């Protein structure tokens, strides 16, 4: 599958990004960059803030060798819906 002019990046089975809430409850899993983006659009802000604050997103992105996108995520320090928009904007720029 392609992402813009790039192939959709997949993690190895069992190495998906697991979205959780602060209490540890799983709220989603993404095994591809497209799936990751879709979940960022839909999941509770609490989960996005938890993972962004712990730099979990950028760690997974580096694991799937998306270093430029990981660096972009490292620079995002917003909260609430602004965080969601900033994450999606970083992905959009990456796909361009």
C-alpha atoms as a PDB file:
ATOM      1  CA  UNK A   1       0.000   0.000   0.000  1.00  0.00           C
ATOM      2  CA  UNK A   2       1.285   3.485  -0.724  1.00  0.00           C
ATOM      3  CA  UNK A   3       1.291   6.578   1.465  1.00  0.00           C
ATOM      4  CA  UNK A   4       1.268   9.540  -0.887  1.00  0.00           C
ATOM      5  CA  UNK A   5       4.222   8.587  -3.049  1.00  0.00           C
ATOM      6  CA  UNK A   6       5.668   6.328  -0.351  1.00  0.00           C
ATOM      7  CA  UNK A   7       4.939   2.739   0.589  1.00  0.00           C
ATOM      8  CA  UNK A   8       2.962   2.332   3.810  1.00  0.00           C
ATOM      9  CA  UNK A   9       5.433   1.324   6.487  1.00  0.00           C
ATOM     10  CA  UNK A  10       4.625  -1.755   8.555  1.00  0.00           C
ATOM     11  CA  UNK A  11       5.958  -2.995  11.868  1.00  0.00           C
ATOM     12  CA  UNK A  12       6.802  -6.637  12.384  1.00  0.00           C
ATOM     13  CA  UNK A  13       3.948  -8.707  13.837  1.00  0.00           C
ATOM     14  CA  UNK A  14       3.902  -8.212  17.596  1.00  0.00           C
ATOM     15  CA  UNK A  15       5.701  -4.851  17.325  1.00  0.00           C
ATOM     16  CA  UNK A  16       2.636  -2.708  16.667  1.00  0.00           C
ATOM     17  CA  UNK A  17       2.223   0.589  18.467  1.00  0.00           C
ATOM     18  CA  UNK A  18      -0.156  -0.016  21.382  1.00  0.00           C
ATOM     19  CA  UNK A  19      -2.138   3.067  22.341  1.00  0.00           C
ATOM     20  CA  UNK A  20      -3.020   3.153  26.029  1.00  0.00           C
ATOM     21  CA  UNK A  21      -4.535   5.454  28.591  1.00  0.00           C
ATOM     22  CA  UNK A  22      -2.513   6.529  31.625  1.00  0.00           C
ATOM     23  CA  UNK A  23      -4.091   3.704  33.654  1.00  0.00           C
ATOM     24  CA  UNK A  24      -2.711   1.136  31.191  1.00  0.00           C
ATOM     25  CA  UNK A  25      -6.008   0.370  29.439  1.00  0.00           C
ATOM     26  CA  UNK A  26      -5.382  -0.404  25.764  1.00  0.00           C
ATOM     27  CA  UNK A  27      -7.452   1.729  23.388  1.00  0.00           C
ATOM     28  CA  UNK A  28      -5.933   0.841  20.012  1.00  0.00           C
ATOM     29  CA  UNK A  29      -3.129  -0.800  18.021  1.00  0.00           C
ATOM     30  CA  UNK A  30      -1.400   0.268  14.851  1.00  0.00           C
ATOM     31  CA  UNK A  31       0.860  -1.927  12.772  1.00  0.00           C
ATOM     32  CA  UNK A  32       1.253   0.495   9.871  1.00  0.00           C
ATOM     33  CA  UNK A  33       1.883   4.194   9.521  1.00  0.00           C
ATOM     34  CA  UNK A  34      -1.567   4.647   7.935  1.00  0.00           C
ATOM     35  CA  UNK A  35      -3.192   2.843  10.861  1.00  0.00           C
ATOM     36  CA  UNK A  36      -1.163   4.960  13.290  1.00  0.00           C
ATOM     37  CA  UNK A  37      -2.444   8.128  11.618  1.00  0.00           C
ATOM     38  CA  UNK A  38      -6.051   6.883  11.668  1.00  0.00           C
ATOM     39  CA  UNK A  39      -5.886   6.174  15.381  1.00  0.00           C
ATOM     40  CA  UNK A  40      -4.348   9.575  16.141  1.00  0.00           C
ATOM     41  CA  UNK A  41      -7.434  11.046  14.439  1.00  0.00           C
ATOM     42  CA  UNK A  42      -9.848   9.031  16.567  1.00  0.00           C
ATOM     43  CA  UNK A  43      -8.438   8.182  19.990  1.00  0.00           C
ATOM     44  CA  UNK A  44      -8.954  10.110  23.225  1.00  0.00           C
ATOM     45  CA  UNK A  45      -6.643  13.068  23.796  1.00  0.00           C
ATOM     46  CA  UNK A  46      -5.628  11.492  27.111  1.00  0.00           C
ATOM     47  CA  UNK A  47      -3.908   8.664  25.220  1.00  0.00           C
ATOM     48  CA  UNK A  48      -2.163  11.027  22.813  1.00  0.00           C
ATOM     49  CA  UNK A  49      -0.911  13.231  25.655  1.00  0.00           C
ATOM     50  CA  UNK A  50       0.332  10.199  27.593  1.00  0.00           C
ATOM     51  CA  UNK A  51       2.322   8.806  24.670  1.00  0.00           C
ATOM     52  CA  UNK A  52       3.611  12.127  23.369  1.00  0.00           C
ATOM     53  CA  UNK A  53       4.735  13.203  26.841  1.00  0.00           C
ATOM     54  CA  UNK A  54       6.703   9.978  27.243  1.00  0.00           C
ATOM     55  CA  UNK A  55       8.151  10.210  23.710  1.00  0.00           C
ATOM     56  CA  UNK A  56       6.607   6.792  22.993  1.00  0.00           C
ATOM     57  CA  UNK A  57       5.504   7.840  19.505  1.00  0.00           C
ATOM     58  CA  UNK A  58       8.972   8.884  18.395  1.00  0.00           C
ATOM     59  CA  UNK A  59      10.494   5.694  19.819  1.00  0.00           C
ATOM     60  CA  UNK A  60       8.157   3.535  17.738  1.00  0.00           C
ATOM     61  CA  UNK A  61       8.672   5.691  14.666  1.00  0.00           C
ATOM     62  CA  UNK A  62      12.426   5.203  15.017  1.00  0.00           C
ATOM     63  CA  UNK A  63      11.860   1.457  15.392  1.00  0.00           C
ATOM     64  CA  UNK A  64      10.117   1.420  11.993  1.00  0.00           C
ATOM     65  CA  UNK A  65      12.946   3.589  10.618  1.00  0.00           C
ATOM     66  CA  UNK A  66      10.959   6.798  10.241  1.00  0.00           C
ATOM     67  CA  UNK A  67      13.611   9.000  11.805  1.00  0.00           C
ATOM     68  CA  UNK A  68      12.546  12.283  10.182  1.00  0.00           C
ATOM     69  CA  UNK A  69       8.986  11.876  11.389  1.00  0.00           C
ATOM     70  CA  UNK A  70      10.266  10.838  14.839  1.00  0.00           C
ATOM     71  CA  UNK A  71      12.302  14.057  15.055  1.00  0.00           C
ATOM     72  CA  UNK A  72       9.223  16.066  14.087  1.00  0.00           C
ATOM     73  CA  UNK A  73       7.199  14.338  16.828  1.00  0.00           C
ATOM     74  CA  UNK A  74       9.991  15.011  19.349  1.00  0.00           C
ATOM     75  CA  UNK A  75       9.489  18.735  18.767  1.00  0.00           C
ATOM     76  CA  UNK A  76       5.754  18.692  19.498  1.00  0.00           C
ATOM     77  CA  UNK A  77       4.910  19.901  22.998  1.00  0.00           C
ATOM     78  CA  UNK A  78       1.254  20.889  22.678  1.00  0.00           C
ATOM     79  CA  UNK A  79      -1.792  19.600  24.572  1.00  0.00           C
ATOM     80  CA  UNK A  80      -5.475  18.951  23.991  1.00  0.00           C
ATOM     81  CA  UNK A  81      -6.863  19.072  20.481  1.00  0.00           C
ATOM     82  CA  UNK A  82      -3.876  21.211  19.435  1.00  0.00           C
ATOM     83  CA  UNK A  83      -1.695  18.129  20.061  1.00  0.00           C
ATOM     84  CA  UNK A  84      -3.835  15.993  17.758  1.00  0.00           C
ATOM     85  CA  UNK A  85      -3.656  18.661  15.045  1.00  0.00           C
ATOM     86  CA  UNK A  86       0.117  19.066  15.433  1.00  0.00           C
ATOM     87  CA  UNK A  87       0.715  15.308  15.199  1.00  0.00           C
ATOM     88  CA  UNK A  88      -1.456  15.037  12.107  1.00  0.00           C
ATOM     89  CA  UNK A  89       0.254  18.041  10.518  1.00  0.00           C
ATOM     90  CA  UNK A  90       3.672  16.418  11.071  1.00  0.00           C
ATOM     91  CA  UNK A  91       2.455  13.249   9.364  1.00  0.00           C
ATOM     92  CA  UNK A  92       0.960  15.263   6.498  1.00  0.00           C
ATOM     93  CA  UNK A  93       4.285  17.048   5.911  1.00  0.00           C
ATOM     94  CA  UNK A  94       6.112  13.726   6.041  1.00  0.00           C
ATOM     95  CA  UNK A  95       3.816  12.248   3.396  1.00  0.00           C
ATOM     96  CA  UNK A  96       4.159  15.248   1.068  1.00  0.00           C
END
